Amino acid sequence: MSKAMASDKNFLDFIVDQIENAGHITYIHMFGEYGIYSDGKIFALVCDNKLFIKPTEAGRGFIQNPVEAPAYPGAKMSFLIEDQLEDRDWISELVRVTVRELPEPKPKKKKKKKSG
């Protein structure tokens, strides 16, 4: 069994550069892979140099016939995007419809200071 390769930062940069008018796009490096966010909402993972978008009803309707796969072993199914990565307008619209349907991020709990 071959071990999965970590994603290439150049691939991540390409994906992020493709996304236009879909909020403030940021990413976090985690476990050798990347999570991609729009205005604080995680909407995608980049694993093994593949783009996985969180599934939503709007996204499913936009894609029509999505390919679904887990981003990593044991993960929930996501939409695997391969053929349309070069299409900036298509990928940007998919991100916009997906992010609109995702819940707002939960506010981070503030750590309580110990009194003493």
Protein backbone atom coordinates (compact mmCIF):
# COMPACT_ATOMS: atom_id res chain seq x y z
CA MET A 1 0.00 0.00 0.00
CA SER A 2 1.55 3.30 -1.04
CA LYS A 3 1.47 6.27 1.29
CA ALA A 4 -0.35 9.33 0.02
CA MET A 5 1.80 12.25 -1.03
CA ALA A 6 1.32 15.66 0.52
CA SER A 7 -0.07 18.36 -1.73
CA ASP A 8 2.19 20.67 -3.66
CA LYS A 9 2.00 24.36 -2.66
CA ASN A 10 2.10 25.30 -6.37
CA PHE A 11 -1.13 23.34 -6.93
CA LEU A 12 -2.76 25.09 -3.96
CA ASP A 13 -1.64 28.51 -5.25
CA PHE A 14 -3.09 27.68 -8.68
CA ILE A 15 -6.47 26.76 -7.15
CA VAL A 16 -6.59 29.86 -4.95
CA ASP A 17 -5.66 32.05 -7.95
CA GLN A 18 -8.54 30.57 -9.96
CA ILE A 19 -11.18 31.70 -7.43
CA GLU A 20 -12.58 35.19 -8.07
CA ASN A 21 -15.33 37.20 -6.36
CA ALA A 22 -16.06 34.52 -3.80
CA GLY A 23 -15.14 36.28 -0.57
CA HIS A 24 -11.76 36.60 1.13
CA ILE A 25 -9.96 33.34 0.25
CA THR A 26 -7.44 31.99 2.74
CA TYR A 27 -5.94 28.59 3.47
CA ILE A 28 -4.43 26.69 6.34
CA HIS A 29 -1.77 24.01 6.11
CA MET A 30 -2.90 20.96 8.05
CA PHE A 31 -1.46 17.46 8.20
CA GLY A 32 0.52 17.97 4.98
CA GLU A 33 -2.63 19.08 3.15
CA TYR A 34 -4.63 22.31 2.97
CA GLY A 35 -8.03 23.63 4.00
CA ILE A 36 -9.38 26.51 1.88
CA TYR A 37 -11.68 29.12 3.41
CA SER A 38 -13.91 31.93 2.17
CA ASP A 39 -14.56 34.62 4.79
CA GLY A 40 -13.75 32.13 7.54
CA LYS A 41 -15.91 29.26 6.19
CA ILE A 42 -14.02 26.14 5.18
CA PHE A 43 -15.36 25.04 1.79
CA ALA A 44 -12.62 22.85 0.32
CA LEU A 45 -9.68 20.60 1.01
CA VAL A 46 -6.66 20.08 -1.19
CA CYS A 47 -5.36 16.54 -0.64
CA ASP A 48 -2.90 14.67 -2.86
CA ASN A 49 -3.02 17.59 -5.32
CA LYS A 50 -6.76 17.14 -5.80
CA LEU A 51 -9.53 19.62 -5.01
CA PHE A 52 -12.38 18.43 -2.81
CA ILE A 53 -15.36 20.79 -2.34
CA LYS A 54 -17.80 20.39 0.55
CA PRO A 55 -21.05 18.96 -0.80
CA THR A 56 -24.13 21.22 -0.79
CA GLU A 57 -27.43 20.98 -2.63
CA ALA A 58 -26.59 24.16 -4.57
CA GLY A 59 -23.19 22.75 -5.51
CA ARG A 60 -24.76 19.47 -6.61
CA GLY A 61 -27.25 21.37 -8.79
CA PHE A 62 -24.49 23.52 -10.28
CA ILE A 63 -22.19 20.58 -11.08
CA GLN A 64 -25.11 18.39 -12.27
CA ASN A 65 -23.33 15.04 -11.96
CA PRO A 66 -20.63 15.44 -9.31
CA VAL A 67 -17.91 12.87 -8.77
CA GLU A 68 -17.90 12.11 -5.06
CA ALA A 69 -14.90 10.81 -3.15
CA PRO A 70 -13.42 11.13 0.32
CA ALA A 71 -10.54 13.62 0.57
CA TYR A 72 -8.65 11.12 2.76
CA PRO A 73 -9.41 7.66 4.20
CA GLY A 74 -12.29 7.87 6.63
CA ALA A 75 -13.43 11.34 5.49
CA LYS A 76 -16.98 12.24 4.52
CA MET A 77 -17.69 12.29 0.79
CA SER A 78 -16.85 15.52 -1.04
CA PHE A 79 -17.17 16.70 -4.61
CA LEU A 80 -13.93 15.83 -6.40
CA ILE A 81 -13.19 18.55 -8.96
CA GLU A 82 -10.76 17.54 -11.72
CA ASP A 83 -11.91 18.44 -15.23
CA GLN A 84 -12.93 22.06 -14.56
CA LEU A 85 -9.86 23.28 -12.66
CA GLU A 86 -8.73 25.41 -15.63
CA ASP A 87 -12.16 27.11 -15.90
CA ARG A 88 -11.86 30.15 -13.61
CA ASP A 89 -15.49 31.26 -14.08
CA TRP A 90 -16.87 27.78 -13.39
CA ILE A 91 -14.77 27.11 -10.29
CA SER A 92 -15.47 30.61 -8.90
CA GLU A 93 -19.22 30.16 -9.31
CA LEU A 94 -19.07 26.72 -7.66
CA VAL A 95 -17.27 28.26 -4.68
CA ARG A 96 -19.84 31.10 -4.46
CA VAL A 97 -22.89 28.77 -4.49
CA THR A 98 -21.21 26.39 -2.04
CA VAL A 99 -20.17 29.06 0.46
CA ARG A 100 -23.64 30.67 0.41
CA GLU A 101 -25.14 27.39 1.63
CA LEU A 102 -22.57 26.60 4.33
CA PRO A 103 -23.31 27.62 7.93
CA GLU A 104 -21.49 30.54 9.48
CA PRO A 105 -18.37 29.49 11.39
CA LYS A 106 -18.97 29.02 15.10
CA PRO A 107 -17.45 31.77 17.22
CA LYS A 108 -14.30 30.62 18.96
CA LYS A 109 -14.72 30.23 22.69
CA LYS A 110 -12.57 32.52 24.74
CA LYS A 111 -10.36 30.74 27.21
CA LYS A 112 -11.29 31.48 30.77
CA LYS A 113 -8.53 32.85 32.92
CA LYS A 114 -7.95 31.02 36.14
CA SER A 115 -8.72 33.13 39.13
CA GLY A 116 -6.57 32.68 42.13
